[in-house]
Amino acid sequence: MGLTYFKRFRMEIGLRSWRGLPVWARSVWDDAYELVAWTEGLLDSHAEAKYHSFRNELDANVFPCLGDFDGCRRLMTEISQRTNFVPGATWLARFRGDGACEECGTVQGVSDQGDFGAIQNLGVTSSHRGRGLGTRLLAESLTGFREAGLTRAYLEVTARNDGAIRLYQRFGFRTVKTLYKAADVAVV
């Protein structure tokens, strides 16, 4: 194991003028997908979607709990039990097609620093990427923050996650700080 530093960006957006799903993202929604609002009974479903979204990604090196189902379940439990958890900013994407039902995306939200909403672990499973699920999950989460009376939102993203950064920038997120996260990583 060797200590490695991962460059990450803190990105923020104002919510005062947030009006929901941006016009550019209002494409045809595939009826095989549904977004499901948070309930406690969905904790394992969120953990499953989180695990399958992150287990083979760089962020599982940055945050090892994301590479393990039990770690994802512990993280979901911790997030959902926080006093500043925002259920309205927490969503699950589910695929129902070809006789299957599959959890394929997740996002959680907490309030932080007064009037800020903090996006936690927005992820979409690799086989369902490119279908607008990340866009829809992010839009629902931001709407949930606004409905909770929060005026700004932020997230952190690993600098090498170009696709996520492009999505966040299209929404209007701007980088306000560069951070470095230390992690023990197997040296190959």
N, C-alpha and C. Protein backbone atom coordinates (compact mmCIF):
# COMPACT_ATOMS: atom_id res chain seq x y z
N MET A 1 0.85 -1.18 0.00
CA MET A 1 0.00 0.00 0.00
C MET A 1 0.89 1.23 0.00
N GLY A 2 0.44 2.24 -0.70
CA GLY A 2 1.17 3.50 -0.73
C GLY A 2 0.20 4.65 -0.66
N LEU A 3 0.61 5.71 0.00
CA LEU A 3 -0.25 6.88 0.14
C LEU A 3 -0.27 7.65 -1.18
N THR A 4 -1.47 7.88 -1.70
CA THR A 4 -1.66 8.62 -2.94
C THR A 4 -2.63 9.76 -2.67
N TYR A 5 -2.40 10.88 -3.32
CA TYR A 5 -3.28 12.03 -3.17
C TYR A 5 -4.12 12.18 -4.43
N PHE A 6 -5.43 12.30 -4.25
CA PHE A 6 -6.35 12.45 -5.36
C PHE A 6 -6.85 13.88 -5.39
N LYS A 7 -6.71 14.51 -6.54
CA LYS A 7 -7.18 15.88 -6.73
C LYS A 7 -8.70 15.86 -6.89
N ARG A 8 -9.36 16.72 -6.13
CA ARG A 8 -10.82 16.80 -6.18
C ARG A 8 -11.23 18.27 -6.24
N PHE A 9 -12.39 18.49 -6.83
CA PHE A 9 -12.92 19.84 -6.91
C PHE A 9 -14.17 19.96 -6.05
N ARG A 10 -14.29 21.07 -5.34
CA ARG A 10 -15.56 21.43 -4.71
C ARG A 10 -16.25 22.35 -5.71
N MET A 11 -17.47 21.97 -6.09
CA MET A 11 -18.24 22.74 -7.05
C MET A 11 -19.53 23.19 -6.38
N GLU A 12 -19.96 24.42 -6.70
CA GLU A 12 -21.17 24.98 -6.07
C GLU A 12 -22.10 25.55 -7.13
N ILE A 13 -23.37 25.64 -6.73
CA ILE A 13 -24.41 26.24 -7.58
C ILE A 13 -25.40 26.97 -6.67
N GLY A 14 -25.91 28.10 -7.15
CA GLY A 14 -26.98 28.81 -6.45
C GLY A 14 -28.32 28.17 -6.77
N LEU A 15 -29.23 28.16 -5.80
CA LEU A 15 -30.53 27.53 -6.00
C LEU A 15 -31.69 28.52 -6.02
N ARG A 16 -31.40 29.79 -5.78
CA ARG A 16 -32.50 30.77 -5.75
C ARG A 16 -33.27 30.81 -7.06
N SER A 17 -32.57 30.64 -8.17
CA SER A 17 -33.25 30.69 -9.47
C SER A 17 -33.47 29.30 -10.06
N TRP A 18 -33.23 28.24 -9.27
CA TRP A 18 -33.38 26.87 -9.77
C TRP A 18 -34.85 26.59 -10.10
N ARG A 19 -35.10 26.12 -11.29
CA ARG A 19 -36.46 25.87 -11.75
C ARG A 19 -36.69 24.42 -12.17
N GLY A 20 -35.82 23.54 -11.77
CA GLY A 20 -36.01 22.13 -12.12
C GLY A 20 -35.18 21.71 -13.30
N LEU A 21 -35.53 20.60 -13.88
CA LEU A 21 -34.78 20.00 -14.97
C LEU A 21 -34.54 21.02 -16.08
N PRO A 22 -33.27 21.28 -16.43
CA PRO A 22 -32.97 22.27 -17.46
C PRO A 22 -33.60 21.91 -18.82
N VAL A 23 -33.89 22.92 -19.59
CA VAL A 23 -34.50 22.72 -20.91
C VAL A 23 -33.66 21.77 -21.75
N TRP A 24 -32.33 21.94 -21.71
CA TRP A 24 -31.46 21.11 -22.54
C TRP A 24 -31.54 19.63 -22.15
N ALA A 25 -32.05 19.31 -20.97
CA ALA A 25 -32.09 17.93 -20.49
C ALA A 25 -33.47 17.31 -20.61
N ARG A 26 -34.41 18.02 -21.16
CA ARG A 26 -35.78 17.50 -21.23
C ARG A 26 -36.00 16.66 -22.48
N SER A 27 -35.17 15.66 -22.61
CA SER A 27 -35.29 14.74 -23.75
C SER A 27 -36.34 13.69 -23.43
N VAL A 28 -36.56 12.82 -24.36
CA VAL A 28 -37.55 11.76 -24.17
C VAL A 28 -37.06 10.85 -23.03
N TRP A 29 -37.92 10.65 -22.06
CA TRP A 29 -37.62 9.80 -20.92
C TRP A 29 -38.04 8.38 -21.25
N ASP A 30 -37.13 7.45 -21.10
CA ASP A 30 -37.39 6.04 -21.37
C ASP A 30 -38.29 5.50 -20.26
N ASP A 31 -39.47 5.02 -20.63
CA ASP A 31 -40.44 4.53 -19.65
C ASP A 31 -39.97 3.30 -18.88
N ALA A 32 -38.86 2.70 -19.29
CA ALA A 32 -38.32 1.56 -18.55
C ALA A 32 -37.63 2.01 -17.26
N TYR A 33 -37.43 3.33 -17.10
CA TYR A 33 -36.78 3.86 -15.90
C TYR A 33 -37.78 4.60 -15.04
N GLU A 34 -37.53 4.55 -13.74
CA GLU A 34 -38.33 5.33 -12.81
C GLU A 34 -37.42 5.90 -11.74
N LEU A 35 -37.79 7.05 -11.23
CA LEU A 35 -37.10 7.64 -10.09
C LEU A 35 -37.99 7.44 -8.88
N VAL A 36 -37.38 6.98 -7.79
CA VAL A 36 -38.13 6.63 -6.59
C VAL A 36 -37.64 7.51 -5.44
N ALA A 37 -38.58 8.21 -4.80
CA ALA A 37 -38.25 9.07 -3.67
C ALA A 37 -37.81 8.23 -2.47
N TRP A 38 -37.02 8.83 -1.59
CA TRP A 38 -36.48 8.15 -0.42
C TRP A 38 -37.57 7.65 0.53
N THR A 39 -37.39 6.42 0.97
CA THR A 39 -38.05 5.87 2.15
C THR A 39 -37.01 4.99 2.84
N GLU A 40 -37.18 4.78 4.14
CA GLU A 40 -36.22 3.96 4.87
C GLU A 40 -36.12 2.54 4.31
N GLY A 41 -37.22 2.05 3.76
CA GLY A 41 -37.23 0.70 3.19
C GLY A 41 -36.35 0.56 1.95
N LEU A 42 -35.86 1.67 1.41
CA LEU A 42 -35.01 1.62 0.22
C LEU A 42 -33.52 1.68 0.55
N LEU A 43 -33.16 1.63 1.83
CA LEU A 43 -31.75 1.76 2.20
C LEU A 43 -30.88 0.73 1.47
N ASP A 44 -31.26 -0.53 1.48
CA ASP A 44 -30.46 -1.56 0.80
C ASP A 44 -30.43 -1.36 -0.71
N SER A 45 -31.52 -0.87 -1.27
CA SER A 45 -31.56 -0.60 -2.72
C SER A 45 -30.58 0.52 -3.08
N HIS A 46 -30.53 1.57 -2.25
CA HIS A 46 -29.56 2.64 -2.48
C HIS A 46 -28.14 2.11 -2.34
N ALA A 47 -27.90 1.27 -1.32
CA ALA A 47 -26.57 0.70 -1.13
C ALA A 47 -26.16 -0.16 -2.32
N GLU A 48 -27.10 -0.92 -2.85
CA GLU A 48 -26.81 -1.76 -4.02
C GLU A 48 -26.47 -0.90 -5.24
N ALA A 49 -27.28 0.13 -5.49
CA ALA A 49 -27.01 1.01 -6.62
C ALA A 49 -25.67 1.72 -6.45
N LYS A 50 -25.38 2.17 -5.23
CA LYS A 50 -24.11 2.84 -4.95
C LYS A 50 -22.94 1.89 -5.21
N TYR A 51 -23.04 0.68 -4.69
CA TYR A 51 -21.97 -0.31 -4.87
C TYR A 51 -21.72 -0.59 -6.35
N HIS A 52 -22.78 -0.86 -7.10
CA HIS A 52 -22.61 -1.19 -8.51
C HIS A 52 -22.19 0.02 -9.35
N SER A 53 -22.45 1.22 -8.86
CA SER A 53 -22.04 2.43 -9.57
C SER A 53 -20.57 2.74 -9.37
N PHE A 54 -20.03 2.42 -8.19
CA PHE A 54 -18.68 2.88 -7.84
C PHE A 54 -17.63 1.78 -7.70
N ARG A 55 -18.01 0.52 -7.60
CA ARG A 55 -17.06 -0.53 -7.23
C ARG A 55 -15.86 -0.64 -8.17
N ASN A 56 -16.02 -0.37 -9.44
CA ASN A 56 -14.91 -0.47 -10.40
C ASN A 56 -14.41 0.89 -10.86
N GLU A 57 -14.74 1.92 -10.12
CA GLU A 57 -14.38 3.28 -10.51
C GLU A 57 -13.27 3.83 -9.62
N LEU A 58 -12.65 4.90 -10.08
CA LEU A 58 -11.58 5.56 -9.35
C LEU A 58 -12.00 5.94 -7.93
N ASP A 59 -13.24 6.37 -7.76
CA ASP A 59 -13.69 6.81 -6.43
C ASP A 59 -13.67 5.68 -5.39
N ALA A 60 -13.67 4.43 -5.83
CA ALA A 60 -13.55 3.32 -4.87
C ALA A 60 -12.14 3.26 -4.30
N ASN A 61 -11.16 3.85 -5.00
CA ASN A 61 -9.80 3.99 -4.44
C ASN A 61 -9.75 5.16 -3.48
N VAL A 62 -10.44 6.23 -3.83
CA VAL A 62 -10.44 7.43 -3.00
C VAL A 62 -11.22 7.16 -1.71
N PHE A 63 -12.35 6.48 -1.83
CA PHE A 63 -13.21 6.13 -0.69
C PHE A 63 -13.45 4.62 -0.73
N PRO A 64 -12.61 3.84 -0.08
CA PRO A 64 -12.69 2.37 -0.18
C PRO A 64 -14.05 1.78 0.15
N CYS A 65 -14.85 2.42 1.00
CA CYS A 65 -16.16 1.87 1.33
C CYS A 65 -17.05 1.74 0.09
N LEU A 66 -16.78 2.54 -0.95
CA LEU A 66 -17.60 2.48 -2.16
C LEU A 66 -17.32 1.22 -3.00
N GLY A 67 -16.24 0.54 -2.71
CA GLY A 67 -15.90 -0.67 -3.45
C GLY A 67 -16.38 -1.95 -2.78
N ASP A 68 -17.21 -1.81 -1.75
CA ASP A 68 -17.66 -2.95 -0.96
C ASP A 68 -19.14 -2.76 -0.62
N PHE A 69 -19.98 -3.77 -0.87
CA PHE A 69 -21.40 -3.61 -0.59
C PHE A 69 -21.66 -3.26 0.88
N ASP A 70 -21.00 -3.96 1.79
CA ASP A 70 -21.21 -3.67 3.21
C ASP A 70 -20.79 -2.25 3.55
N GLY A 71 -19.71 -1.78 2.92
CA GLY A 71 -19.27 -0.39 3.12
C GLY A 71 -20.32 0.59 2.60
N CYS A 72 -20.92 0.28 1.46
CA CYS A 72 -21.97 1.14 0.91
C CYS A 72 -23.20 1.14 1.81
N ARG A 73 -23.51 0.00 2.37
CA ARG A 73 -24.66 -0.08 3.28
C ARG A 73 -24.40 0.73 4.55
N ARG A 74 -23.19 0.61 5.11
CA ARG A 74 -22.84 1.40 6.29
C ARG A 74 -22.91 2.90 5.97
N LEU A 75 -22.40 3.28 4.81
CA LEU A 75 -22.42 4.68 4.41
C LEU A 75 -23.86 5.19 4.25
N MET A 76 -24.72 4.40 3.62
CA MET A 76 -26.13 4.79 3.47
C MET A 76 -26.81 4.92 4.82
N THR A 77 -26.52 3.99 5.73
CA THR A 77 -27.10 4.05 7.07
C THR A 77 -26.65 5.34 7.76
N GLU A 78 -25.35 5.62 7.69
CA GLU A 78 -24.81 6.82 8.33
C GLU A 78 -25.44 8.09 7.75
N ILE A 79 -25.52 8.18 6.43
CA ILE A 79 -26.10 9.37 5.79
C ILE A 79 -27.56 9.53 6.19
N SER A 80 -28.33 8.46 6.10
CA SER A 80 -29.78 8.56 6.34
C SER A 80 -30.13 8.81 7.80
N GLN A 81 -29.21 8.54 8.71
CA GLN A 81 -29.48 8.77 10.13
C GLN A 81 -28.97 10.11 10.63
N ARG A 82 -28.31 10.86 9.77
CA ARG A 82 -27.83 12.18 10.18
C ARG A 82 -29.02 13.11 10.41
N THR A 83 -28.89 14.00 11.37
CA THR A 83 -29.98 14.95 11.65
C THR A 83 -30.17 15.93 10.50
N ASN A 84 -29.15 16.12 9.67
CA ASN A 84 -29.25 17.05 8.55
C ASN A 84 -29.53 16.34 7.22
N PHE A 85 -29.96 15.08 7.28
CA PHE A 85 -30.33 14.33 6.07
C PHE A 85 -31.53 15.02 5.41
N VAL A 86 -31.50 15.14 4.09
CA VAL A 86 -32.59 15.76 3.34
C VAL A 86 -33.25 14.68 2.47
N PRO A 87 -34.33 14.06 2.97
CA PRO A 87 -34.98 13.00 2.20
C PRO A 87 -35.42 13.44 0.80
N GLY A 88 -35.89 14.69 0.66
CA GLY A 88 -36.35 15.17 -0.64
C GLY A 88 -35.25 15.33 -1.67
N ALA A 89 -33.99 15.27 -1.23
CA ALA A 89 -32.84 15.37 -2.15
C ALA A 89 -32.20 14.00 -2.37
N THR A 90 -32.89 12.95 -1.97
CA THR A 90 -32.36 11.59 -2.01
C THR A 90 -33.26 10.74 -2.91
N TRP A 91 -32.68 10.21 -3.99
CA TRP A 91 -33.45 9.53 -5.02
C TRP A 91 -32.75 8.26 -5.48
N LEU A 92 -33.56 7.32 -5.95
CA LEU A 92 -33.09 6.05 -6.50
C LEU A 92 -33.60 5.94 -7.93
N ALA A 93 -32.73 5.52 -8.85
CA ALA A 93 -33.15 5.22 -10.22
C ALA A 93 -33.28 3.71 -10.35
N ARG A 94 -34.37 3.31 -10.98
CA ARG A 94 -34.66 1.88 -11.12
C ARG A 94 -35.02 1.59 -12.58
N PHE A 95 -34.49 0.48 -13.09
CA PHE A 95 -34.79 0.02 -14.44
C PHE A 95 -35.76 -1.14 -14.34
N ARG A 96 -36.84 -1.07 -15.11
CA ARG A 96 -37.81 -2.16 -15.18
C ARG A 96 -38.04 -2.46 -16.66
N GLY A 97 -37.32 -3.43 -17.14
CA GLY A 97 -37.46 -3.79 -18.54
C GLY A 97 -36.97 -5.20 -18.77
N ASP A 98 -37.44 -5.80 -19.85
CA ASP A 98 -37.04 -7.16 -20.20
C ASP A 98 -37.27 -8.13 -19.05
N GLY A 99 -38.34 -7.90 -18.27
CA GLY A 99 -38.67 -8.78 -17.16
C GLY A 99 -37.77 -8.62 -15.94
N ALA A 100 -36.91 -7.61 -15.97
CA ALA A 100 -35.97 -7.41 -14.85
C ALA A 100 -36.31 -6.14 -14.08
N CYS A 101 -35.88 -6.10 -12.84
CA CYS A 101 -35.96 -4.90 -12.02
C CYS A 101 -34.57 -4.71 -11.43
N GLU A 102 -33.97 -3.57 -11.74
CA GLU A 102 -32.58 -3.35 -11.34
C GLU A 102 -32.40 -1.94 -10.81
N GLU A 103 -31.74 -1.83 -9.64
CA GLU A 103 -31.38 -0.52 -9.10
C GLU A 103 -30.19 -0.03 -9.92
N CYS A 104 -30.28 1.16 -10.51
CA CYS A 104 -29.23 1.57 -11.44
C CYS A 104 -28.68 2.98 -11.20
N GLY A 105 -29.13 3.66 -10.16
CA GLY A 105 -28.58 4.98 -9.87
C GLY A 105 -29.05 5.46 -8.52
N THR A 106 -28.28 6.35 -7.92
CA THR A 106 -28.60 6.85 -6.60
C THR A 106 -27.96 8.21 -6.36
N VAL A 107 -28.59 8.99 -5.52
CA VAL A 107 -28.03 10.25 -5.02
C VAL A 107 -28.63 10.49 -3.65
N GLN A 108 -27.83 11.06 -2.75
CA GLN A 108 -28.32 11.42 -1.44
C GLN A 108 -27.98 12.88 -1.19
N GLY A 109 -28.75 13.50 -0.30
CA GLY A 109 -28.51 14.89 0.04
C GLY A 109 -28.55 15.13 1.53
N VAL A 110 -27.68 16.01 2.00
CA VAL A 110 -27.69 16.46 3.39
C VAL A 110 -27.56 17.98 3.36
N SER A 111 -28.01 18.63 4.41
CA SER A 111 -27.80 20.07 4.52
C SER A 111 -26.49 20.29 5.27
N ASP A 112 -25.82 21.36 4.93
CA ASP A 112 -24.50 21.60 5.51
C ASP A 112 -24.24 23.10 5.51
N GLN A 113 -23.56 23.57 6.51
CA GLN A 113 -23.13 24.96 6.57
C GLN A 113 -24.28 25.95 6.38
N GLY A 114 -25.32 25.79 7.14
CA GLY A 114 -26.42 26.75 7.08
C GLY A 114 -27.36 26.53 5.92
N ASP A 115 -27.16 27.27 4.84
CA ASP A 115 -28.11 27.22 3.73
C ASP A 115 -27.60 26.40 2.54
N PHE A 116 -26.61 25.54 2.76
CA PHE A 116 -26.06 24.70 1.69
C PHE A 116 -26.65 23.31 1.72
N GLY A 117 -26.94 22.77 0.54
CA GLY A 117 -27.23 21.36 0.37
C GLY A 117 -25.97 20.70 -0.13
N ALA A 118 -25.67 19.51 0.34
CA ALA A 118 -24.48 18.78 -0.07
C ALA A 118 -24.88 17.49 -0.77
N ILE A 119 -24.55 17.40 -2.05
CA ILE A 119 -24.80 16.18 -2.83
C ILE A 119 -23.84 15.11 -2.34
N GLN A 120 -24.37 13.93 -2.07
CA GLN A 120 -23.57 12.80 -1.62
C GLN A 120 -23.66 11.67 -2.63
N ASN A 121 -22.57 11.26 -3.18
CA ASN A 121 -22.47 10.03 -3.96
C ASN A 121 -23.47 9.87 -5.08
N LEU A 122 -23.51 10.78 -6.02
CA LEU A 122 -24.32 10.62 -7.22
C LEU A 122 -23.64 9.56 -8.09
N GLY A 123 -24.34 8.48 -8.36
CA GLY A 123 -23.76 7.41 -9.16
C GLY A 123 -24.79 6.71 -10.02
N VAL A 124 -24.34 6.27 -11.19
CA VAL A 124 -25.16 5.49 -12.12
C VAL A 124 -24.34 4.27 -12.53
N THR A 125 -24.96 3.10 -12.53
CA THR A 125 -24.24 1.88 -12.91
C THR A 125 -23.77 1.97 -14.35
N SER A 126 -22.65 1.35 -14.64
CA SER A 126 -22.00 1.52 -15.95
C SER A 126 -22.91 1.12 -17.11
N SER A 127 -23.72 0.08 -16.96
CA SER A 127 -24.57 -0.37 -18.08
C SER A 127 -25.75 0.56 -18.35
N HIS A 128 -25.98 1.54 -17.48
CA HIS A 128 -27.10 2.46 -17.67
C HIS A 128 -26.65 3.91 -17.86
N ARG A 129 -25.35 4.12 -18.00
CA ARG A 129 -24.85 5.48 -18.23
C ARG A 129 -25.17 5.93 -19.64
N GLY A 130 -25.21 7.24 -19.82
CA GLY A 130 -25.48 7.80 -21.14
C GLY A 130 -26.95 7.87 -21.47
N ARG A 131 -27.83 7.64 -20.51
CA ARG A 131 -29.27 7.66 -20.75
C ARG A 131 -29.97 8.79 -19.99
N GLY A 132 -29.19 9.71 -19.44
CA GLY A 132 -29.77 10.86 -18.75
C GLY A 132 -30.14 10.62 -17.30
N LEU A 133 -29.76 9.46 -16.74
CA LEU A 133 -30.13 9.16 -15.35
C LEU A 133 -29.40 10.08 -14.37
N GLY A 134 -28.11 10.32 -14.60
CA GLY A 134 -27.37 11.24 -13.73
C GLY A 134 -27.96 12.63 -13.76
N THR A 135 -28.37 13.07 -14.94
CA THR A 135 -29.02 14.37 -15.09
C THR A 135 -30.30 14.44 -14.28
N ARG A 136 -31.13 13.41 -14.41
CA ARG A 136 -32.41 13.40 -13.71
C ARG A 136 -32.21 13.31 -12.20
N LEU A 137 -31.28 12.46 -11.75
CA LEU A 137 -31.02 12.34 -10.31
C LEU A 137 -30.53 13.67 -9.74
N LEU A 138 -29.62 14.31 -10.45
CA LEU A 138 -29.09 15.59 -9.98
C LEU A 138 -30.19 16.65 -9.93
N ALA A 139 -31.02 16.71 -10.95
CA ALA A 139 -32.12 17.69 -10.99
C ALA A 139 -33.08 17.47 -9.83
N GLU A 140 -33.44 16.22 -9.56
CA GLU A 140 -34.36 15.94 -8.46
C GLU A 140 -33.73 16.29 -7.11
N SER A 141 -32.45 16.02 -6.95
CA SER A 141 -31.77 16.34 -5.71
C SER A 141 -31.73 17.85 -5.49
N LEU A 142 -31.38 18.61 -6.51
CA LEU A 142 -31.35 20.07 -6.38
C LEU A 142 -32.74 20.63 -6.08
N THR A 143 -33.75 20.06 -6.72
CA THR A 143 -35.13 20.48 -6.45
C THR A 143 -35.48 20.20 -4.99
N GLY A 144 -35.07 19.04 -4.47
CA GLY A 144 -35.31 18.70 -3.07
C GLY A 144 -34.64 19.67 -2.12
N PHE A 145 -33.43 20.10 -2.44
CA PHE A 145 -32.75 21.10 -1.61
C PHE A 145 -33.51 22.42 -1.63
N ARG A 146 -33.92 22.84 -2.80
CA ARG A 146 -34.64 24.11 -2.91
C ARG A 146 -35.95 24.05 -2.12
N GLU A 147 -36.68 22.94 -2.25
CA GLU A 147 -37.94 22.79 -1.51
C GLU A 147 -37.71 22.73 0.00
N ALA A 148 -36.50 22.36 0.42
CA ALA A 148 -36.16 22.34 1.85
C ALA A 148 -35.70 23.73 2.33
N GLY A 149 -35.72 24.71 1.43
CA GLY A 149 -35.36 26.07 1.80
C GLY A 149 -33.88 26.40 1.70
N LEU A 150 -33.09 25.51 1.11
CA LEU A 150 -31.66 25.77 0.97
C LEU A 150 -31.43 26.64 -0.27
N THR A 151 -30.43 27.51 -0.19
CA THR A 151 -30.21 28.47 -1.28
C THR A 151 -28.99 28.17 -2.15
N ARG A 152 -28.14 27.24 -1.71
CA ARG A 152 -26.96 26.85 -2.47
C ARG A 152 -26.76 25.35 -2.32
N ALA A 153 -26.03 24.77 -3.26
CA ALA A 153 -25.68 23.35 -3.16
C ALA A 153 -24.23 23.18 -3.59
N TYR A 154 -23.61 22.15 -3.06
CA TYR A 154 -22.25 21.83 -3.48
C TYR A 154 -22.06 20.33 -3.54
N LEU A 155 -20.97 19.96 -4.16
CA LEU A 155 -20.54 18.58 -4.25
C LEU A 155 -19.04 18.57 -4.40
N GLU A 156 -18.46 17.41 -4.22
CA GLU A 156 -17.04 17.22 -4.50
C GLU A 156 -16.94 16.12 -5.55
N VAL A 157 -15.99 16.31 -6.46
CA VAL A 157 -15.81 15.37 -7.56
C VAL A 157 -14.32 15.18 -7.80
N THR A 158 -13.93 13.95 -8.07
CA THR A 158 -12.54 13.66 -8.39
C THR A 158 -12.21 14.30 -9.73
N ALA A 159 -11.08 14.99 -9.79
CA ALA A 159 -10.71 15.79 -10.96
C ALA A 159 -10.63 14.98 -12.25
N ARG A 160 -10.36 13.70 -12.16
CA ARG A 160 -10.25 12.86 -13.36
C ARG A 160 -11.59 12.34 -13.86
N ASN A 161 -12.69 12.70 -13.20
CA ASN A 161 -14.02 12.25 -13.60
C ASN A 161 -14.62 13.28 -14.56
N ASP A 162 -14.08 13.28 -15.78
CA ASP A 162 -14.45 14.30 -16.77
C ASP A 162 -15.93 14.33 -17.09
N GLY A 163 -16.56 13.16 -17.23
CA GLY A 163 -17.98 13.12 -17.57
C GLY A 163 -18.84 13.78 -16.50
N ALA A 164 -18.55 13.50 -15.24
CA ALA A 164 -19.31 14.10 -14.14
C ALA A 164 -19.08 15.61 -14.11
N ILE A 165 -17.86 16.03 -14.28
CA ILE A 165 -17.55 17.47 -14.25
C ILE A 165 -18.30 18.20 -15.36
N ARG A 166 -18.33 17.61 -16.56
CA ARG A 166 -19.09 18.24 -17.67
C ARG A 166 -20.56 18.37 -17.31
N LEU A 167 -21.14 17.32 -16.73
CA LEU A 167 -22.55 17.36 -16.32
C LEU A 167 -22.78 18.49 -15.33
N TYR A 168 -21.96 18.55 -14.30
CA TYR A 168 -22.13 19.57 -13.27
C TYR A 168 -21.98 20.98 -13.85
N GLN A 169 -21.02 21.16 -14.75
CA GLN A 169 -20.85 22.47 -15.37
C GLN A 169 -22.06 22.85 -16.22
N ARG A 170 -22.64 21.89 -16.92
CA ARG A 170 -23.83 22.18 -17.72
C ARG A 170 -24.99 22.64 -16.85
N PHE A 171 -25.06 22.15 -15.63
CA PHE A 171 -26.10 22.57 -14.69
C PHE A 171 -25.83 23.97 -14.15
N GLY A 172 -24.58 24.40 -14.23
CA GLY A 172 -24.21 25.71 -13.70
C GLY A 172 -23.30 25.65 -12.48
N PHE A 173 -22.88 24.46 -12.08
CA PHE A 173 -21.92 24.35 -10.99
C PHE A 173 -20.60 24.97 -11.42
N ARG A 174 -19.93 25.63 -10.48
CA ARG A 174 -18.63 26.23 -10.73
C ARG A 174 -17.65 25.74 -9.67
N THR A 175 -16.42 25.49 -10.08
CA THR A 175 -15.38 25.07 -9.16
C THR A 175 -14.99 26.25 -8.27
N VAL A 176 -15.04 26.03 -6.96
CA VAL A 176 -14.70 27.09 -6.01
C VAL A 176 -13.45 26.75 -5.20
N LYS A 177 -13.05 25.48 -5.23
CA LYS A 177 -11.88 25.09 -4.44
C LYS A 177 -11.33 23.77 -4.98
N THR A 178 -10.00 23.64 -4.91
CA THR A 178 -9.34 22.38 -5.23
C THR A 178 -8.87 21.76 -3.93
N LEU A 179 -9.16 20.48 -3.76
CA LEU A 179 -8.83 19.74 -2.55
C LEU A 179 -7.98 18.52 -2.93
N TYR A 180 -7.29 17.98 -1.96
CA TYR A 180 -6.52 16.75 -2.18
C TYR A 180 -6.90 15.77 -1.09
N LYS A 181 -7.32 14.58 -1.51
CA LYS A 181 -7.75 13.54 -0.58
C LYS A 181 -6.68 12.45 -0.58
N ALA A 182 -6.13 12.18 0.59
CA ALA A 182 -5.13 11.13 0.73
C ALA A 182 -5.83 9.79 0.88
N ALA A 183 -5.28 8.76 0.22
CA ALA A 183 -5.85 7.42 0.32
C ALA A 183 -4.72 6.41 0.17
N ASP A 184 -4.83 5.29 0.90
CA ASP A 184 -3.91 4.18 0.73
C ASP A 184 -4.35 3.39 -0.48
N VAL A 185 -3.46 3.24 -1.44
CA VAL A 185 -3.77 2.55 -2.68
C VAL A 185 -2.70 1.49 -2.91
N ALA A 186 -3.12 0.33 -3.39
CA ALA A 186 -2.17 -0.74 -3.69
C ALA A 186 -1.21 -0.26 -4.79
N VAL A 187 0.07 -0.40 -4.55
CA VAL A 187 1.08 0.00 -5.53
C VAL A 187 1.30 -1.17 -6.47
N VAL A 188 1.14 -0.89 -7.77
CA VAL A 188 1.26 -1.96 -8.78
C VAL A 188 2.59 -1.86 -9.47
